């Protein structure tokens, strides 16, 4: 049985969330570093818009579609408030970002679990 596209999409979002979590952690770790510019990962919606989400063929007679590939860009935040040390990291924003990443991981996991349970129930007959 071919993998279901929802699982591929959830995997791609989990990878994106992992990159975002690493970026938030890096920002927090460098909060007292003079001249450090806060980093941010491009929104997941932009990643999806730049990639083609396609159906997977399960039969050789089906039309063939390309695979979904996307990359994640990390760049400095735009127009940040600069501190006297020229550091642009704000702890409040980073804590909010960390909470958003956690909630997104939980939602992603819940959706995959529900879809997996539904798939298992239908395959049992």
N, C-alpha and C. Protein backbone atom coordinates (compact mmCIF):
# COMPACT_ATOMS: atom_id res chain seq x y z
N UNK A 1 0.84 -1.18 0.00
CA UNK A 1 0.00 0.00 0.00
C UNK A 1 0.88 1.24 0.00
N UNK A 2 0.58 2.20 -0.84
CA UNK A 2 1.33 3.44 -0.97
C UNK A 2 1.07 4.34 0.24
N UNK A 3 2.06 5.17 0.63
CA UNK A 3 1.81 6.09 1.74
C UNK A 3 0.73 7.11 1.38
N UNK A 4 -0.04 7.49 2.36
CA UNK A 4 -1.11 8.45 2.17
C UNK A 4 -0.52 9.86 2.24
N UNK A 5 -0.98 10.75 1.39
CA UNK A 5 -0.44 12.10 1.29
C UNK A 5 -0.54 12.86 2.61
N UNK A 6 -1.56 12.60 3.41
CA UNK A 6 -1.71 13.29 4.69
C UNK A 6 -0.51 13.02 5.59
N UNK A 7 -0.02 11.79 5.58
CA UNK A 7 1.15 11.45 6.39
C UNK A 7 2.39 12.20 5.89
N UNK A 8 2.52 12.33 4.57
CA UNK A 8 3.64 13.09 4.01
C UNK A 8 3.56 14.55 4.41
N UNK A 9 2.37 15.11 4.35
CA UNK A 9 2.17 16.50 4.73
C UNK A 9 2.46 16.70 6.21
N UNK A 10 2.00 15.79 7.06
CA UNK A 10 2.26 15.89 8.49
C UNK A 10 3.75 15.76 8.78
N UNK A 11 4.43 14.90 8.05
CA UNK A 11 5.88 14.75 8.21
C UNK A 11 6.60 16.02 7.82
N UNK A 12 6.18 16.61 6.72
CA UNK A 12 6.79 17.85 6.26
C UNK A 12 6.57 18.97 7.29
N UNK A 13 5.36 19.05 7.85
CA UNK A 13 5.12 20.07 8.86
C UNK A 13 5.92 19.80 10.13
N UNK A 14 6.06 18.55 10.51
CA UNK A 14 6.86 18.21 11.69
C UNK A 14 8.32 18.62 11.49
N UNK A 15 8.85 18.41 10.29
CA UNK A 15 10.21 18.85 10.00
C UNK A 15 10.32 20.37 10.09
N UNK A 16 9.31 21.06 9.53
CA UNK A 16 9.30 22.52 9.58
C UNK A 16 9.22 23.00 11.03
N UNK A 17 8.38 22.37 11.84
CA UNK A 17 8.26 22.74 13.25
C UNK A 17 9.56 22.50 13.99
N UNK A 18 10.27 21.45 13.63
CA UNK A 18 11.56 21.17 14.25
C UNK A 18 12.57 22.27 13.93
N UNK A 19 12.58 22.71 12.69
CA UNK A 19 13.47 23.83 12.30
C UNK A 19 13.07 25.09 13.05
N UNK A 20 11.77 25.33 13.16
CA UNK A 20 11.31 26.53 13.86
C UNK A 20 11.66 26.47 15.35
N UNK A 21 11.51 25.30 15.96
CA UNK A 21 11.84 25.15 17.37
C UNK A 21 13.34 25.39 17.59
N UNK A 22 14.17 24.90 16.70
CA UNK A 22 15.61 25.12 16.79
C UNK A 22 15.93 26.60 16.65
N UNK A 23 15.23 27.28 15.77
CA UNK A 23 15.44 28.72 15.58
C UNK A 23 15.05 29.51 16.82
N UNK A 24 13.91 29.17 17.42
CA UNK A 24 13.48 29.84 18.65
C UNK A 24 14.49 29.60 19.77
N UNK A 25 14.95 28.37 19.90
CA UNK A 25 15.94 28.03 20.93
C UNK A 25 17.24 28.80 20.71
N UNK A 26 17.64 28.95 19.47
CA UNK A 26 18.85 29.71 19.15
C UNK A 26 18.68 31.17 19.51
N UNK A 27 17.50 31.72 19.24
CA UNK A 27 17.23 33.12 19.60
C UNK A 27 17.31 33.31 21.11
N UNK A 28 16.70 32.40 21.87
CA UNK A 28 16.71 32.50 23.33
C UNK A 28 18.13 32.35 23.86
N UNK A 29 18.89 31.43 23.28
CA UNK A 29 20.27 31.21 23.74
C UNK A 29 21.15 32.43 23.50
N UNK A 30 20.82 33.22 22.50
CA UNK A 30 21.64 34.39 22.16
C UNK A 30 21.00 35.70 22.60
N UNK A 31 20.11 35.66 23.58
CA UNK A 31 19.39 36.86 23.98
C UNK A 31 20.32 37.94 24.55
N UNK A 32 21.43 37.54 25.13
CA UNK A 32 22.38 38.52 25.68
C UNK A 32 23.60 38.74 24.79
N UNK A 33 23.58 38.23 23.59
CA UNK A 33 24.71 38.38 22.67
C UNK A 33 24.58 39.72 21.95
N UNK A 34 25.54 40.62 22.15
CA UNK A 34 25.48 41.93 21.47
C UNK A 34 25.52 41.76 19.94
N UNK A 35 24.65 42.47 19.26
CA UNK A 35 24.63 42.46 17.80
C UNK A 35 23.92 41.27 17.17
N UNK A 36 23.38 40.36 17.99
CA UNK A 36 22.70 39.18 17.44
C UNK A 36 21.36 39.61 16.85
N UNK A 37 21.08 39.15 15.64
CA UNK A 37 19.81 39.44 14.98
C UNK A 37 18.89 38.22 15.12
N UNK A 38 17.69 38.45 15.63
CA UNK A 38 16.73 37.36 15.81
C UNK A 38 16.40 36.72 14.47
N UNK A 39 16.28 35.40 14.47
CA UNK A 39 15.98 34.65 13.26
C UNK A 39 14.53 34.16 13.30
N UNK A 40 13.96 33.94 12.13
CA UNK A 40 12.61 33.42 12.02
C UNK A 40 12.55 32.54 10.78
N UNK A 41 11.75 31.49 10.85
CA UNK A 41 11.56 30.57 9.73
C UNK A 41 10.36 31.06 8.93
N UNK A 42 10.46 30.92 7.60
CA UNK A 42 9.33 31.35 6.77
C UNK A 42 8.08 30.56 7.17
N UNK A 43 6.90 31.17 7.06
CA UNK A 43 5.66 30.48 7.45
C UNK A 43 5.44 29.20 6.65
N UNK A 44 4.81 28.21 7.31
CA UNK A 44 4.56 26.92 6.67
C UNK A 44 3.67 27.09 5.44
N UNK A 45 2.78 28.07 5.46
CA UNK A 45 1.91 28.31 4.31
C UNK A 45 2.74 28.65 3.08
N UNK A 46 3.82 29.42 3.27
CA UNK A 46 4.70 29.75 2.14
C UNK A 46 5.41 28.51 1.63
N UNK A 47 5.77 27.61 2.54
CA UNK A 47 6.41 26.36 2.14
C UNK A 47 5.44 25.56 1.28
N UNK A 48 4.17 25.50 1.70
CA UNK A 48 3.18 24.76 0.93
C UNK A 48 2.90 25.42 -0.41
N UNK A 49 2.86 26.76 -0.44
CA UNK A 49 2.60 27.46 -1.69
C UNK A 49 3.74 27.25 -2.69
N UNK A 50 4.95 27.05 -2.18
CA UNK A 50 6.09 26.84 -3.06
C UNK A 50 6.25 25.41 -3.50
N UNK A 51 5.46 24.52 -2.95
CA UNK A 51 5.55 23.11 -3.33
C UNK A 51 4.20 22.65 -3.84
N UNK A 52 4.23 21.57 -4.56
CA UNK A 52 3.01 21.03 -5.12
C UNK A 52 2.57 19.84 -4.30
N UNK A 53 1.41 19.92 -3.71
CA UNK A 53 0.86 18.79 -2.98
C UNK A 53 0.07 17.98 -4.00
N UNK A 54 0.53 16.76 -4.24
CA UNK A 54 -0.05 15.96 -5.31
C UNK A 54 -0.58 14.63 -4.77
N UNK A 55 -1.44 14.03 -5.56
CA UNK A 55 -1.96 12.71 -5.23
C UNK A 55 -0.90 11.66 -5.50
N UNK A 56 -0.93 10.59 -4.75
CA UNK A 56 -0.02 9.47 -4.97
C UNK A 56 -0.76 8.42 -5.80
N UNK A 57 -0.09 7.88 -6.78
CA UNK A 57 -0.75 6.83 -7.57
C UNK A 57 -0.61 5.50 -6.86
N UNK A 58 -1.67 4.73 -6.87
CA UNK A 58 -1.68 3.42 -6.21
C UNK A 58 -1.79 2.29 -7.23
N UNK A 59 -1.87 2.66 -8.50
CA UNK A 59 -2.05 1.69 -9.56
C UNK A 59 -1.18 2.12 -10.74
N UNK A 60 -0.51 1.21 -11.44
CA UNK A 60 0.33 1.60 -12.57
C UNK A 60 -0.45 2.31 -13.69
N UNK A 61 -1.76 2.12 -13.76
CA UNK A 61 -2.56 2.77 -14.79
C UNK A 61 -2.93 4.21 -14.45
N UNK A 62 -2.66 4.64 -13.22
CA UNK A 62 -2.96 6.01 -12.83
C UNK A 62 -1.96 6.97 -13.47
N UNK A 63 -2.36 8.22 -13.60
CA UNK A 63 -1.44 9.24 -14.08
C UNK A 63 -0.35 9.46 -13.05
N UNK A 64 0.86 9.73 -13.49
CA UNK A 64 1.99 9.95 -12.59
C UNK A 64 2.11 11.43 -12.25
N UNK A 65 2.32 11.74 -10.99
CA UNK A 65 2.49 13.11 -10.52
C UNK A 65 3.82 13.20 -9.81
N UNK A 66 4.37 14.40 -9.78
CA UNK A 66 5.65 14.62 -9.11
C UNK A 66 5.50 14.55 -7.60
N UNK A 67 6.62 14.32 -6.93
CA UNK A 67 6.63 14.25 -5.47
C UNK A 67 6.62 15.65 -4.87
N UNK A 68 6.25 15.72 -3.62
CA UNK A 68 6.23 16.99 -2.91
C UNK A 68 7.58 17.23 -2.25
N UNK A 69 8.25 18.29 -2.66
CA UNK A 69 9.53 18.66 -2.06
C UNK A 69 9.48 20.13 -1.69
N UNK A 70 9.97 20.46 -0.55
CA UNK A 70 10.00 21.86 -0.13
C UNK A 70 11.19 22.07 0.78
N UNK A 71 11.66 23.29 0.81
CA UNK A 71 12.75 23.63 1.72
C UNK A 71 12.28 24.74 2.63
N UNK A 72 13.00 24.96 3.71
CA UNK A 72 12.59 25.94 4.70
C UNK A 72 13.65 27.03 4.77
N UNK A 73 13.24 28.25 4.56
CA UNK A 73 14.17 29.38 4.61
C UNK A 73 14.16 29.98 6.01
N UNK A 74 15.35 30.27 6.50
CA UNK A 74 15.51 30.92 7.79
C UNK A 74 16.20 32.25 7.54
N UNK A 75 15.62 33.32 8.04
CA UNK A 75 16.21 34.64 7.86
C UNK A 75 15.96 35.50 9.07
N UNK A 76 16.58 36.66 9.10
CA UNK A 76 16.38 37.56 10.24
C UNK A 76 15.01 38.22 10.14
N UNK A 77 14.47 38.60 11.29
CA UNK A 77 13.15 39.21 11.33
C UNK A 77 13.21 40.60 10.73
N UNK A 78 12.08 41.05 10.18
CA UNK A 78 12.03 42.35 9.54
C UNK A 78 11.63 43.44 10.54
N UNK A 79 12.26 44.59 10.45
CA UNK A 79 11.95 45.78 11.23
C UNK A 79 11.80 45.51 12.73
N UNK A 80 12.79 44.88 13.34
CA UNK A 80 12.69 44.62 14.78
C UNK A 80 13.07 45.85 15.60
N UNK A 81 12.64 45.86 16.84
CA UNK A 81 13.07 46.90 17.77
C UNK A 81 14.48 46.54 18.23
N UNK A 82 15.40 47.45 18.00
CA UNK A 82 16.80 47.18 18.31
C UNK A 82 17.12 47.72 19.70
N UNK A 83 17.74 46.88 20.52
CA UNK A 83 18.17 47.28 21.86
C UNK A 83 19.48 48.05 21.77
N UNK A 84 19.91 48.71 22.83
CA UNK A 84 21.20 49.41 22.79
C UNK A 84 22.37 48.49 22.43
N UNK A 85 22.27 47.23 22.76
CA UNK A 85 23.33 46.29 22.41
C UNK A 85 23.21 45.82 20.96
N UNK A 86 22.24 46.35 20.23
CA UNK A 86 21.93 45.98 18.85
C UNK A 86 21.47 44.53 18.72
N UNK A 87 20.95 43.98 19.79
CA UNK A 87 20.37 42.65 19.80
C UNK A 87 18.87 42.81 19.54
N UNK A 88 18.31 42.00 18.63
CA UNK A 88 16.90 42.17 18.26
C UNK A 88 15.98 41.11 18.84
N UNK A 89 16.48 40.28 19.76
CA UNK A 89 15.67 39.22 20.36
C UNK A 89 14.80 39.79 21.47
N UNK A 90 13.50 39.50 21.43
CA UNK A 90 12.58 39.87 22.51
C UNK A 90 12.07 38.59 23.15
N UNK A 91 12.30 38.44 24.43
CA UNK A 91 11.94 37.21 25.14
C UNK A 91 10.45 36.92 25.04
N UNK A 92 9.61 37.94 25.11
CA UNK A 92 8.16 37.74 25.05
C UNK A 92 7.77 37.10 23.72
N UNK A 93 8.35 37.59 22.62
CA UNK A 93 8.04 37.03 21.31
C UNK A 93 8.52 35.59 21.19
N UNK A 94 9.70 35.32 21.73
CA UNK A 94 10.25 33.97 21.63
C UNK A 94 9.43 32.98 22.47
N UNK A 95 8.96 33.41 23.64
CA UNK A 95 8.10 32.53 24.45
C UNK A 95 6.78 32.27 23.74
N UNK A 96 6.23 33.29 23.10
CA UNK A 96 4.99 33.10 22.33
C UNK A 96 5.23 32.14 21.16
N UNK A 97 6.37 32.29 20.49
CA UNK A 97 6.70 31.41 19.37
C UNK A 97 6.88 29.97 19.85
N UNK A 98 7.54 29.79 21.00
CA UNK A 98 7.74 28.44 21.55
C UNK A 98 6.40 27.79 21.89
N UNK A 99 5.47 28.56 22.45
CA UNK A 99 4.14 28.03 22.75
C UNK A 99 3.38 27.66 21.49
N UNK A 100 3.53 28.47 20.45
CA UNK A 100 2.88 28.18 19.17
C UNK A 100 3.43 26.91 18.54
N UNK A 101 4.74 26.72 18.63
CA UNK A 101 5.36 25.50 18.10
C UNK A 101 4.84 24.28 18.85
N UNK A 102 4.76 24.37 20.17
CA UNK A 102 4.26 23.24 20.98
C UNK A 102 2.83 22.89 20.61
N UNK A 103 1.96 23.91 20.50
CA UNK A 103 0.57 23.66 20.12
C UNK A 103 0.47 23.05 18.73
N UNK A 104 1.30 23.52 17.82
CA UNK A 104 1.28 22.98 16.45
C UNK A 104 1.74 21.53 16.42
N UNK A 105 2.78 21.20 17.21
CA UNK A 105 3.22 19.80 17.31
C UNK A 105 2.09 18.93 17.84
N UNK A 106 1.40 19.40 18.88
CA UNK A 106 0.30 18.63 19.47
C UNK A 106 -0.84 18.43 18.48
N UNK A 107 -1.19 19.47 17.73
CA UNK A 107 -2.25 19.37 16.74
C UNK A 107 -1.85 18.41 15.62
N UNK A 108 -0.63 18.53 15.16
CA UNK A 108 -0.12 17.65 14.11
C UNK A 108 -0.21 16.19 14.56
N UNK A 109 0.24 15.92 15.77
CA UNK A 109 0.22 14.56 16.31
C UNK A 109 -1.21 14.05 16.46
N UNK A 110 -2.11 14.89 16.94
CA UNK A 110 -3.50 14.48 17.12
C UNK A 110 -4.16 14.15 15.78
N UNK A 111 -3.88 14.93 14.76
CA UNK A 111 -4.47 14.67 13.43
C UNK A 111 -3.94 13.35 12.87
N UNK A 112 -2.63 13.14 12.99
CA UNK A 112 -2.05 11.90 12.47
C UNK A 112 -2.60 10.69 13.23
N UNK A 113 -2.73 10.80 14.56
CA UNK A 113 -3.29 9.68 15.34
C UNK A 113 -4.72 9.38 14.92
N UNK A 114 -5.53 10.43 14.75
CA UNK A 114 -6.93 10.22 14.36
C UNK A 114 -7.03 9.60 12.97
N UNK A 115 -6.20 10.08 12.05
CA UNK A 115 -6.23 9.53 10.70
C UNK A 115 -5.74 8.08 10.70
N UNK A 116 -4.71 7.80 11.48
CA UNK A 116 -4.19 6.43 11.57
C UNK A 116 -5.24 5.49 12.16
N UNK A 117 -5.93 5.94 13.22
CA UNK A 117 -6.99 5.14 13.83
C UNK A 117 -8.10 4.87 12.83
N UNK A 118 -8.48 5.90 12.05
CA UNK A 118 -9.53 5.74 11.06
C UNK A 118 -9.08 4.75 9.97
N UNK A 119 -7.83 4.85 9.54
CA UNK A 119 -7.29 3.95 8.54
C UNK A 119 -7.26 2.52 9.05
N UNK A 120 -6.87 2.33 10.30
CA UNK A 120 -6.82 0.99 10.88
C UNK A 120 -8.23 0.40 11.02
N UNK A 121 -9.19 1.23 11.42
CA UNK A 121 -10.57 0.75 11.57
C UNK A 121 -11.16 0.33 10.22
N UNK A 122 -10.86 1.08 9.15
CA UNK A 122 -11.40 0.71 7.86
C UNK A 122 -10.71 -0.52 7.28
N UNK A 123 -9.45 -0.71 7.60
CA UNK A 123 -8.74 -1.89 7.06
C UNK A 123 -9.13 -3.18 7.80
N UNK A 124 -9.62 -3.06 9.03
CA UNK A 124 -10.06 -4.25 9.78
C UNK A 124 -11.38 -4.78 9.24
N UNK A 125 -12.11 -3.93 8.58
CA UNK A 125 -13.27 -4.43 7.90
C UNK A 125 -14.57 -4.13 8.45
